[in-house]
Amino acid sequence: MSTKPPPTQEEFKPRPLTDSELNHFNSIPWAKSILQQSLSLQNGSNEKSEYVALNMPTRVYKDYTDEDGYFAGTLGTKETIPFLVTLCRRNLDEVSASLPTTPPPNDPKAKGVSAPSRPPDTITLVSMSAPGLSGHPKTAHGGVIATLFDEAMSHLIEAHVSALNPARSSTDPRERDAIYTAQLNVRYRKPVHTPGLLVIRSWCLARDARKYWALSHAVQEEQEDGGGQLEWVKKKMVCAEASSLWVLTRSEKL
């Protein structure tokens, strides 16, 4: 008989990174740098860090409701995405409380990449494997990138909603107001290489009652080492960007 997993698997709360996650991402210089700077791991403590790692319920398959089989199963293998960590800014309630009620105007003809001046609300580290994610040779399928944007921004919006309502994170998910993607626009700029690390930086741009607007950038390092350049010198490229609209609604109203 299927049983409900421990509450910690359902809760959207801060958590320590596992040894396997640390070992994996510390083996990638850029990822190690992000973790050290964001979580202050170099000091042996993250009490005063700018970010915290979040528990990600979608990475756990729930056989009692048949949920999250896609992200926990299909995209949770060694050949697809073996490791994925989301970091969230502390004191996100202050950011949420100051958000405007309308997003900034979007110019579809703009060539440059724009983003809020504040640090990302969430940073998602994605370990991209091959061949499970490949479309073209050594290149991630475009649908995978759209999926990752959707997943990263769903955690972003959940973080904002939970920041304004702390009791939500420990509420039974079947009793929570549900968050749904109403619109997702993706602009592909450069190929996303596999295998490799993909970093998704996300911001909530505005909120109005039950509507939330978000922006994300998918970033990779340049593939060439530039003649032995140090990691922090390597160019970080926005390979794709996405904007989205989310709606917070009760599931029984759908």
C-alpha atoms as a PDB file:
ATOM      1  CA  MET A   1       0.000   0.000   0.000  1.00  0.00           C
ATOM      2  CA  SER A   2       1.273   3.475  -0.859  1.00  0.00           C
ATOM      3  CA  THR A   3       1.978   5.667   2.129  1.00  0.00           C
ATOM      4  CA  LYS A   4       2.654   9.333   2.504  1.00  0.00           C
ATOM      5  CA  PRO A   5       6.384  10.155   2.697  1.00  0.00           C
ATOM      6  CA  PRO A   6       7.877  11.902   5.744  1.00  0.00           C
ATOM      7  CA  PRO A   7       6.743  15.542   6.119  1.00  0.00           C
ATOM      8  CA  THR A   8      10.263  16.815   5.413  1.00  0.00           C
ATOM      9  CA  GLN A   9       9.936  15.589   1.822  1.00  0.00           C
ATOM     10  CA  GLU A  10       6.857  17.750   1.333  1.00  0.00           C
ATOM     11  CA  GLU A  11       7.974  20.894   3.131  1.00  0.00           C
ATOM     12  CA  PHE A  12       9.346  23.801   1.152  1.00  0.00           C
ATOM     13  CA  LYS A  13      11.936  24.834   3.731  1.00  0.00           C
ATOM     14  CA  PRO A  14      15.680  25.520   4.055  1.00  0.00           C
ATOM     15  CA  ARG A  15      17.874  22.448   4.361  1.00  0.00           C
ATOM     16  CA  PRO A  16      21.564  21.527   4.455  1.00  0.00           C
ATOM     17  CA  LEU A  17      23.172  20.257   1.278  1.00  0.00           C
ATOM     18  CA  THR A  18      23.864  16.538   1.217  1.00  0.00           C
ATOM     19  CA  ASP A  19      27.383  15.172   1.037  1.00  0.00           C
ATOM     20  CA  SER A  20      26.755  13.883  -2.482  1.00  0.00           C
ATOM     21  CA  GLU A  21      25.535  17.323  -3.620  1.00  0.00           C
ATOM     22  CA  LEU A  22      28.532  19.054  -2.071  1.00  0.00           C
ATOM     23  CA  ASN A  23      30.973  16.554  -3.544  1.00  0.00           C
ATOM     24  CA  HIS A  24      29.434  16.881  -6.991  1.00  0.00           C
ATOM     25  CA  PHE A  25      29.143  20.662  -7.201  1.00  0.00           C
ATOM     26  CA  ASN A  26      32.474  21.253  -5.455  1.00  0.00           C
ATOM     27  CA  SER A  27      34.084  19.286  -8.294  1.00  0.00           C
ATOM     28  CA  ILE A  28      32.922  22.054 -10.675  1.00  0.00           C
ATOM     29  CA  PRO A  29      34.927  25.246  -9.951  1.00  0.00           C
ATOM     30  CA  TRP A  30      32.161  27.656 -10.961  1.00  0.00           C
ATOM     31  CA  ALA A  31      29.510  25.803  -8.926  1.00  0.00           C
ATOM     32  CA  LYS A  32      31.880  25.620  -5.953  1.00  0.00           C
ATOM     33  CA  SER A  33      32.414  29.370  -6.171  1.00  0.00           C
ATOM     34  CA  ILE A  34      28.663  30.037  -6.251  1.00  0.00           C
ATOM     35  CA  LEU A  35      28.049  27.833  -3.220  1.00  0.00           C
ATOM     36  CA  GLN A  36      30.911  29.372  -1.260  1.00  0.00           C
ATOM     37  CA  GLN A  37      29.800  32.922  -1.998  1.00  0.00           C
ATOM     38  CA  SER A  38      26.068  32.315  -1.570  1.00  0.00           C
ATOM     39  CA  LEU A  39      26.123  29.979   1.422  1.00  0.00           C
ATOM     40  CA  SER A  40      29.377  31.219   3.011  1.00  0.00           C
ATOM     41  CA  LEU A  41      30.627  27.635   3.093  1.00  0.00           C
ATOM     42  CA  GLN A  42      34.234  28.790   3.252  1.00  0.00           C
ATOM     43  CA  ASN A  43      33.559  29.910   6.839  1.00  0.00           C
ATOM     44  CA  GLY A  44      32.083  26.561   7.824  1.00  0.00           C
ATOM     45  CA  SER A  45      28.705  28.136   8.586  1.00  0.00           C
ATOM     46  CA  ASN A  46      25.787  29.536   6.614  1.00  0.00           C
ATOM     47  CA  GLU A  47      24.081  31.368   9.478  1.00  0.00           C
ATOM     48  CA  LYS A  48      24.865  34.757   7.922  1.00  0.00           C
ATOM     49  CA  SER A  49      24.825  33.678   4.296  1.00  0.00           C
ATOM     50  CA  GLU A  50      22.918  35.622   1.675  1.00  0.00           C
ATOM     51  CA  TYR A  51      21.141  32.470   0.451  1.00  0.00           C
ATOM     52  CA  VAL A  52      19.856  29.183   1.838  1.00  0.00           C
ATOM     53  CA  ALA A  53      19.340  25.880   0.043  1.00  0.00           C
ATOM     54  CA  LEU A  54      15.697  24.869  -0.257  1.00  0.00           C
ATOM     55  CA  ASN A  55      14.078  21.482   0.018  1.00  0.00           C
ATOM     56  CA  MET A  56      12.563  20.667  -3.385  1.00  0.00           C
ATOM     57  CA  PRO A  57       9.473  18.451  -3.057  1.00  0.00           C
ATOM     58  CA  THR A  58       9.233  17.992  -6.837  1.00  0.00           C
ATOM     59  CA  ARG A  59      12.435  15.928  -6.759  1.00  0.00           C
ATOM     60  CA  VAL A  60      10.618  13.271  -4.711  1.00  0.00           C
ATOM     61  CA  TYR A  61       8.098  11.020  -6.449  1.00  0.00           C
ATOM     62  CA  LYS A  62       4.826  10.743  -4.532  1.00  0.00           C
ATOM     63  CA  ASP A  63       3.252   7.416  -5.325  1.00  0.00           C
ATOM     64  CA  TYR A  64       0.240   8.136  -3.143  1.00  0.00           C
ATOM     65  CA  THR A  65      -0.888  10.860  -5.574  1.00  0.00           C
ATOM     66  CA  ASP A  66       1.166   9.915  -8.660  1.00  0.00           C
ATOM     67  CA  GLU A  67       2.817  13.341  -8.608  1.00  0.00           C
ATOM     68  CA  ASP A  68       6.229  14.542  -9.757  1.00  0.00           C
ATOM     69  CA  GLY A  69       7.093  11.411 -11.696  1.00  0.00           C
ATOM     70  CA  TYR A  70       8.481  13.538 -14.517  1.00  0.00           C
ATOM     71  CA  PHE A  71      10.936  15.651 -12.551  1.00  0.00           C
ATOM     72  CA  ALA A  72      11.754  13.125  -9.842  1.00  0.00           C
ATOM     73  CA  GLY A  73      11.894  10.119 -12.168  1.00  0.00           C
ATOM     74  CA  THR A  74      12.370  10.915 -15.849  1.00  0.00           C
ATOM     75  CA  LEU A  75      14.616  13.905 -15.144  1.00  0.00           C
ATOM     76  CA  GLY A  76      16.214  12.514 -11.997  1.00  0.00           C
ATOM     77  CA  THR A  77      18.611   9.946 -13.450  1.00  0.00           C
ATOM     78  CA  LYS A  78      22.364   9.863 -14.057  1.00  0.00           C
ATOM     79  CA  GLU A  79      21.676  10.352 -17.781  1.00  0.00           C
ATOM     80  CA  THR A  80      19.429  13.405 -17.289  1.00  0.00           C
ATOM     81  CA  ILE A  81      19.675  15.634 -14.171  1.00  0.00           C
ATOM     82  CA  PRO A  82      21.384  13.734 -11.339  1.00  0.00           C
ATOM     83  CA  PHE A  83      21.873  16.841  -9.180  1.00  0.00           C
ATOM     84  CA  LEU A  84      19.771  19.983  -8.859  1.00  0.00           C
ATOM     85  CA  VAL A  85      19.919  22.546  -6.049  1.00  0.00           C
ATOM     86  CA  THR A  86      17.887  25.718  -5.562  1.00  0.00           C
ATOM     87  CA  LEU A  87      19.279  28.563  -3.463  1.00  0.00           C
ATOM     88  CA  CYS A  88      16.907  31.237  -2.160  1.00  0.00           C
ATOM     89  CA  ARG A  89      17.662  34.691  -0.782  1.00  0.00           C
ATOM     90  CA  ARG A  90      17.115  35.214   2.904  1.00  0.00           C
ATOM     91  CA  ASN A  91      14.557  37.816   3.971  1.00  0.00           C
ATOM     92  CA  LEU A  92      12.606  37.310   0.766  1.00  0.00           C
ATOM     93  CA  ASP A  93       9.535  38.692   2.533  1.00  0.00           C
ATOM     94  CA  GLU A  94      11.096  42.158   2.305  1.00  0.00           C
ATOM     95  CA  VAL A  95      11.517  41.762  -1.442  1.00  0.00           C
ATOM     96  CA  SER A  96       7.970  40.442  -1.862  1.00  0.00           C
ATOM     97  CA  ALA A  97       6.456  43.293   0.128  1.00  0.00           C
ATOM     98  CA  SER A  98       8.147  45.876  -2.099  1.00  0.00           C
ATOM     99  CA  LEU A  99       7.201  44.379  -5.469  1.00  0.00           C
ATOM    100  CA  PRO A 100       5.126  46.526  -7.852  1.00  0.00           C
ATOM    101  CA  THR A 101       1.690  45.381  -9.003  1.00  0.00           C
ATOM    102  CA  THR A 102       2.616  45.464 -12.693  1.00  0.00           C
ATOM    103  CA  PRO A 103       5.740  44.093 -14.402  1.00  0.00           C
ATOM    104  CA  PRO A 104       8.055  46.371 -16.382  1.00  0.00           C
ATOM    105  CA  PRO A 105       7.242  46.698 -20.100  1.00  0.00           C
ATOM    106  CA  ASN A 106       8.759  43.996 -22.281  1.00  0.00           C
ATOM    107  CA  ASP A 107      10.248  44.901 -25.658  1.00  0.00           C
ATOM    108  CA  PRO A 108      10.268  41.742 -27.824  1.00  0.00           C
ATOM    109  CA  LYS A 109      12.677  43.436 -30.253  1.00  0.00           C
ATOM    110  CA  ALA A 110      15.281  44.236 -27.604  1.00  0.00           C
ATOM    111  CA  LYS A 111      18.654  42.646 -28.334  1.00  0.00           C
ATOM    112  CA  GLY A 112      20.234  43.043 -24.930  1.00  0.00           C
ATOM    113  CA  VAL A 113      19.590  41.058 -21.776  1.00  0.00           C
ATOM    114  CA  SER A 114      17.877  42.930 -18.965  1.00  0.00           C
ATOM    115  CA  ALA A 115      17.397  42.032 -15.315  1.00  0.00           C
ATOM    116  CA  PRO A 116      16.556  43.736 -12.036  1.00  0.00           C
ATOM    117  CA  SER A 117      19.452  45.485 -10.298  1.00  0.00           C
ATOM    118  CA  ARG A 118      19.025  43.350  -7.158  1.00  0.00           C
ATOM    119  CA  PRO A 119      20.631  39.918  -6.747  1.00  0.00           C
ATOM    120  CA  PRO A 120      18.577  36.960  -8.010  1.00  0.00           C
ATOM    121  CA  ASP A 121      15.778  35.843  -5.711  1.00  0.00           C
ATOM    122  CA  THR A 122      16.702  32.233  -6.454  1.00  0.00           C
ATOM    123  CA  ILE A 123      19.695  30.536  -8.053  1.00  0.00           C
ATOM    124  CA  THR A 124      19.229  27.033  -9.430  1.00  0.00           C
ATOM    125  CA  LEU A 125      22.262  24.835 -10.115  1.00  0.00           C
ATOM    126  CA  VAL A 126      21.507  22.146 -12.677  1.00  0.00           C
ATOM    127  CA  SER A 127      23.846  19.282 -13.508  1.00  0.00           C
ATOM    128  CA  MET A 128      23.089  18.557 -17.177  1.00  0.00           C
ATOM    129  CA  SER A 129      23.956  15.051 -18.356  1.00  0.00           C
ATOM    130  CA  ALA A 130      24.176  13.448 -21.775  1.00  0.00           C
ATOM    131  CA  PRO A 131      22.717  11.784 -23.724  1.00  0.00           C
ATOM    132  CA  GLY A 132      19.478  11.931 -21.771  1.00  0.00           C
ATOM    133  CA  LEU A 133      18.984  15.697 -22.295  1.00  0.00           C
ATOM    134  CA  SER A 134      20.513  16.025 -25.745  1.00  0.00           C
ATOM    135  CA  GLY A 135      18.667  17.222 -28.818  1.00  0.00           C
ATOM    136  CA  HIS A 136      21.433  18.119 -31.250  1.00  0.00           C
ATOM    137  CA  PRO A 137      24.899  16.662 -30.546  1.00  0.00           C
ATOM    138  CA  LYS A 138      26.207  17.901 -27.186  1.00  0.00           C
ATOM    139  CA  THR A 139      23.298  20.343 -27.049  1.00  0.00           C
ATOM    140  CA  ALA A 140      20.323  20.262 -24.678  1.00  0.00           C
ATOM    141  CA  HIS A 141      16.877  19.889 -26.236  1.00  0.00           C
ATOM    142  CA  GLY A 142      14.978  23.182 -26.290  1.00  0.00           C
ATOM    143  CA  GLY A 143      12.042  21.607 -24.524  1.00  0.00           C
ATOM    144  CA  VAL A 144      14.317  20.661 -21.631  1.00  0.00           C
ATOM    145  CA  ILE A 145      15.367  24.298 -21.231  1.00  0.00           C
ATOM    146  CA  ALA A 146      11.726  25.398 -21.158  1.00  0.00           C
ATOM    147  CA  THR A 147      11.019  22.712 -18.554  1.00  0.00           C
ATOM    148  CA  LEU A 148      13.906  23.886 -16.389  1.00  0.00           C
ATOM    149  CA  PHE A 149      12.716  27.482 -16.603  1.00  0.00           C
ATOM    150  CA  ASP A 150       9.239  26.394 -15.556  1.00  0.00           C
ATOM    151  CA  GLU A 151      10.602  24.370 -12.651  1.00  0.00           C
ATOM    152  CA  ALA A 152      12.993  27.080 -11.464  1.00  0.00           C
ATOM    153  CA  MET A 153      10.329  29.765 -11.594  1.00  0.00           C
ATOM    154  CA  SER A 154       7.767  27.564  -9.855  1.00  0.00           C
ATOM    155  CA  HIS A 155      10.164  27.359  -6.886  1.00  0.00           C
ATOM    156  CA  LEU A 156      10.737  31.103  -7.149  1.00  0.00           C
ATOM    157  CA  ILE A 157       7.017  31.857  -6.884  1.00  0.00           C
ATOM    158  CA  GLU A 158       6.542  29.261  -4.149  1.00  0.00           C
ATOM    159  CA  ALA A 159       9.349  30.948  -2.205  1.00  0.00           C
ATOM    160  CA  HIS A 160       7.656  34.347  -2.515  1.00  0.00           C
ATOM    161  CA  VAL A 161       4.237  33.007  -1.557  1.00  0.00           C
ATOM    162  CA  SER A 162       5.726  31.158   1.430  1.00  0.00           C
ATOM    163  CA  ALA A 163       7.722  34.235   2.470  1.00  0.00           C
ATOM    164  CA  LEU A 164       4.474  36.189   2.790  1.00  0.00           C
ATOM    165  CA  ASN A 165       2.719  33.251   4.464  1.00  0.00           C
ATOM    166  CA  PRO A 166       5.289  31.230   6.475  1.00  0.00           C
ATOM    167  CA  ALA A 167       2.699  28.703   7.653  1.00  0.00           C
ATOM    168  CA  ARG A 168       2.183  27.587   4.040  1.00  0.00           C
ATOM    169  CA  SER A 169       5.473  25.691   3.803  1.00  0.00           C
ATOM    170  CA  SER A 170       4.427  23.073   6.345  1.00  0.00           C
ATOM    171  CA  THR A 171       0.819  22.752   5.200  1.00  0.00           C
ATOM    172  CA  ASP A 172      -0.278  19.526   3.518  1.00  0.00           C
ATOM    173  CA  PRO A 173       0.221  20.223  -0.224  1.00  0.00           C
ATOM    174  CA  ARG A 174      -3.257  18.870  -0.965  1.00  0.00           C
ATOM    175  CA  GLU A 175      -4.658  21.684   1.162  1.00  0.00           C
ATOM    176  CA  ARG A 176      -2.517  24.536  -0.172  1.00  0.00           C
ATOM    177  CA  ASP A 177      -3.504  27.061  -2.806  1.00  0.00           C
ATOM    178  CA  ALA A 178      -1.944  25.680  -5.994  1.00  0.00           C
ATOM    179  CA  ILE A 179       0.481  27.617  -8.216  1.00  0.00           C
ATOM    180  CA  TYR A 180       0.078  27.211 -11.976  1.00  0.00           C
ATOM    181  CA  THR A 181       1.899  28.508 -15.030  1.00  0.00           C
ATOM    182  CA  ALA A 182      -0.447  30.779 -16.974  1.00  0.00           C
ATOM    183  CA  GLN A 183       2.111  31.876 -19.575  1.00  0.00           C
ATOM    184  CA  LEU A 184       5.747  31.060 -20.331  1.00  0.00           C
ATOM    185  CA  ASN A 185       7.804  32.835 -23.000  1.00  0.00           C
ATOM    186  CA  VAL A 186      11.288  31.536 -23.798  1.00  0.00           C
ATOM    187  CA  ARG A 187      13.923  33.254 -25.912  1.00  0.00           C
ATOM    188  CA  TYR A 188      16.839  31.064 -26.983  1.00  0.00           C
ATOM    189  CA  ARG A 189      20.107  32.932 -27.529  1.00  0.00           C
ATOM    190  CA  LYS A 190      22.861  30.304 -27.580  1.00  0.00           C
ATOM    191  CA  PRO A 191      23.038  26.493 -27.416  1.00  0.00           C
ATOM    192  CA  VAL A 192      23.082  24.968 -23.944  1.00  0.00           C
ATOM    193  CA  HIS A 193      25.860  22.399 -23.918  1.00  0.00           C
ATOM    194  CA  THR A 194      25.613  18.916 -22.444  1.00  0.00           C
ATOM    195  CA  PRO A 195      27.101  17.620 -20.316  1.00  0.00           C
ATOM    196  CA  GLY A 196      27.676  20.704 -18.221  1.00  0.00           C
ATOM    197  CA  LEU A 197      26.506  23.026 -15.477  1.00  0.00           C
ATOM    198  CA  LEU A 198      23.545  25.309 -16.110  1.00  0.00           C
ATOM    199  CA  VAL A 199      22.796  28.126 -13.662  1.00  0.00           C
ATOM    200  CA  ILE A 200      19.299  29.623 -13.678  1.00  0.00           C
ATOM    201  CA  ARG A 201      18.945  33.029 -12.030  1.00  0.00           C
ATOM    202  CA  SER A 202      15.365  34.050 -11.299  1.00  0.00           C
ATOM    203  CA  TRP A 203      13.535  37.156 -10.121  1.00  0.00           C
ATOM    204  CA  CYS A 204       9.920  37.863  -9.241  1.00  0.00           C
ATOM    205  CA  LEU A 205       9.096  41.111 -11.029  1.00  0.00           C
ATOM    206  CA  ALA A 206       5.621  41.927  -9.737  1.00  0.00           C
ATOM    207  CA  ARG A 207       2.625  40.555  -7.901  1.00  0.00           C
ATOM    208  CA  ASP A 208      -1.005  41.576  -7.899  1.00  0.00           C
ATOM    209  CA  ALA A 209      -3.354  39.612  -5.644  1.00  0.00           C
ATOM    210  CA  ARG A 210      -3.012  36.027  -6.982  1.00  0.00           C
ATOM    211  CA  LYS A 211      -0.926  36.907 -10.043  1.00  0.00           C
ATOM    212  CA  TYR A 212       2.884  36.782 -10.106  1.00  0.00           C
ATOM    213  CA  TRP A 213       5.274  37.769 -12.912  1.00  0.00           C
ATOM    214  CA  ALA A 214       8.791  36.317 -13.134  1.00  0.00           C
ATOM    215  CA  LEU A 215      12.001  36.483 -15.160  1.00  0.00           C
ATOM    216  CA  SER A 216      14.804  33.928 -15.479  1.00  0.00           C
ATOM    217  CA  HIS A 217      18.184  33.710 -17.189  1.00  0.00           C
ATOM    218  CA  ALA A 218      19.863  30.392 -18.054  1.00  0.00           C
ATOM    219  CA  VAL A 219      23.629  30.886 -17.857  1.00  0.00           C
ATOM    220  CA  GLN A 220      26.593  28.725 -18.851  1.00  0.00           C
ATOM    221  CA  GLU A 221      30.334  29.267 -18.943  1.00  0.00           C
ATOM    222  CA  GLU A 222      32.151  29.582 -22.237  1.00  0.00           C
ATOM    223  CA  GLN A 223      33.308  26.178 -23.424  1.00  0.00           C
ATOM    224  CA  GLU A 224      36.826  27.166 -24.499  1.00  0.00           C
ATOM    225  CA  ASP A 225      39.297  27.556 -21.662  1.00  0.00           C
ATOM    226  CA  GLY A 226      40.907  30.586 -23.329  1.00  0.00           C
ATOM    227  CA  GLY A 227      44.389  29.209 -22.882  1.00  0.00           C
ATOM    228  CA  GLY A 228      44.097  28.093 -19.295  1.00  0.00           C
ATOM    229  CA  GLN A 229      42.039  30.941 -17.879  1.00  0.00           C
ATOM    230  CA  LEU A 230      40.989  30.856 -14.257  1.00  0.00           C
ATOM    231  CA  GLU A 231      37.363  29.984 -13.614  1.00  0.00           C
ATOM    232  CA  TRP A 232      36.356  33.451 -12.469  1.00  0.00           C
ATOM    233  CA  VAL A 233      37.792  34.892 -15.709  1.00  0.00           C
ATOM    234  CA  LYS A 234      35.715  32.638 -17.948  1.00  0.00           C
ATOM    235  CA  LYS A 235      32.837  34.414 -19.637  1.00  0.00           C
ATOM    236  CA  LYS A 236      29.367  33.654 -18.319  1.00  0.00           C
ATOM    237  CA  MET A 237      26.822  33.656 -21.152  1.00  0.00           C
ATOM    238  CA  VAL A 238      23.039  34.002 -21.010  1.00  0.00           C
ATOM    239  CA  CYS A 239      22.019  31.130 -23.278  1.00  0.00           C
ATOM    240  CA  ALA A 240      18.277  31.627 -22.857  1.00  0.00           C
ATOM    241  CA  GLU A 241      15.843  33.850 -20.987  1.00  0.00           C
ATOM    242  CA  ALA A 242      12.237  33.391 -19.982  1.00  0.00           C
ATOM    243  CA  SER A 243       9.382  35.507 -18.698  1.00  0.00           C
ATOM    244  CA  SER A 244       6.253  34.090 -17.147  1.00  0.00           C
ATOM    245  CA  LEU A 245       2.923  34.733 -15.496  1.00  0.00           C
ATOM    246  CA  TRP A 246       1.785  32.580 -12.583  1.00  0.00           C
ATOM    247  CA  VAL A 247      -1.580  32.258 -10.880  1.00  0.00           C
ATOM    248  CA  LEU A 248      -2.195  31.189  -7.311  1.00  0.00           C
ATOM    249  CA  THR A 249      -5.536  29.406  -7.123  1.00  0.00           C
ATOM    250  CA  ARG A 250      -7.287  26.658  -5.220  1.00  0.00           C
ATOM    251  CA  SER A 251      -7.102  23.350  -7.052  1.00  0.00           C
ATOM    252  CA  GLU A 252     -10.813  22.665  -6.672  1.00  0.00           C
ATOM    253  CA  LYS A 253     -11.573  25.789  -8.729  1.00  0.00           C
ATOM    254  CA  LEU A 254      -9.774  24.486 -11.806  1.00  0.00           C
END
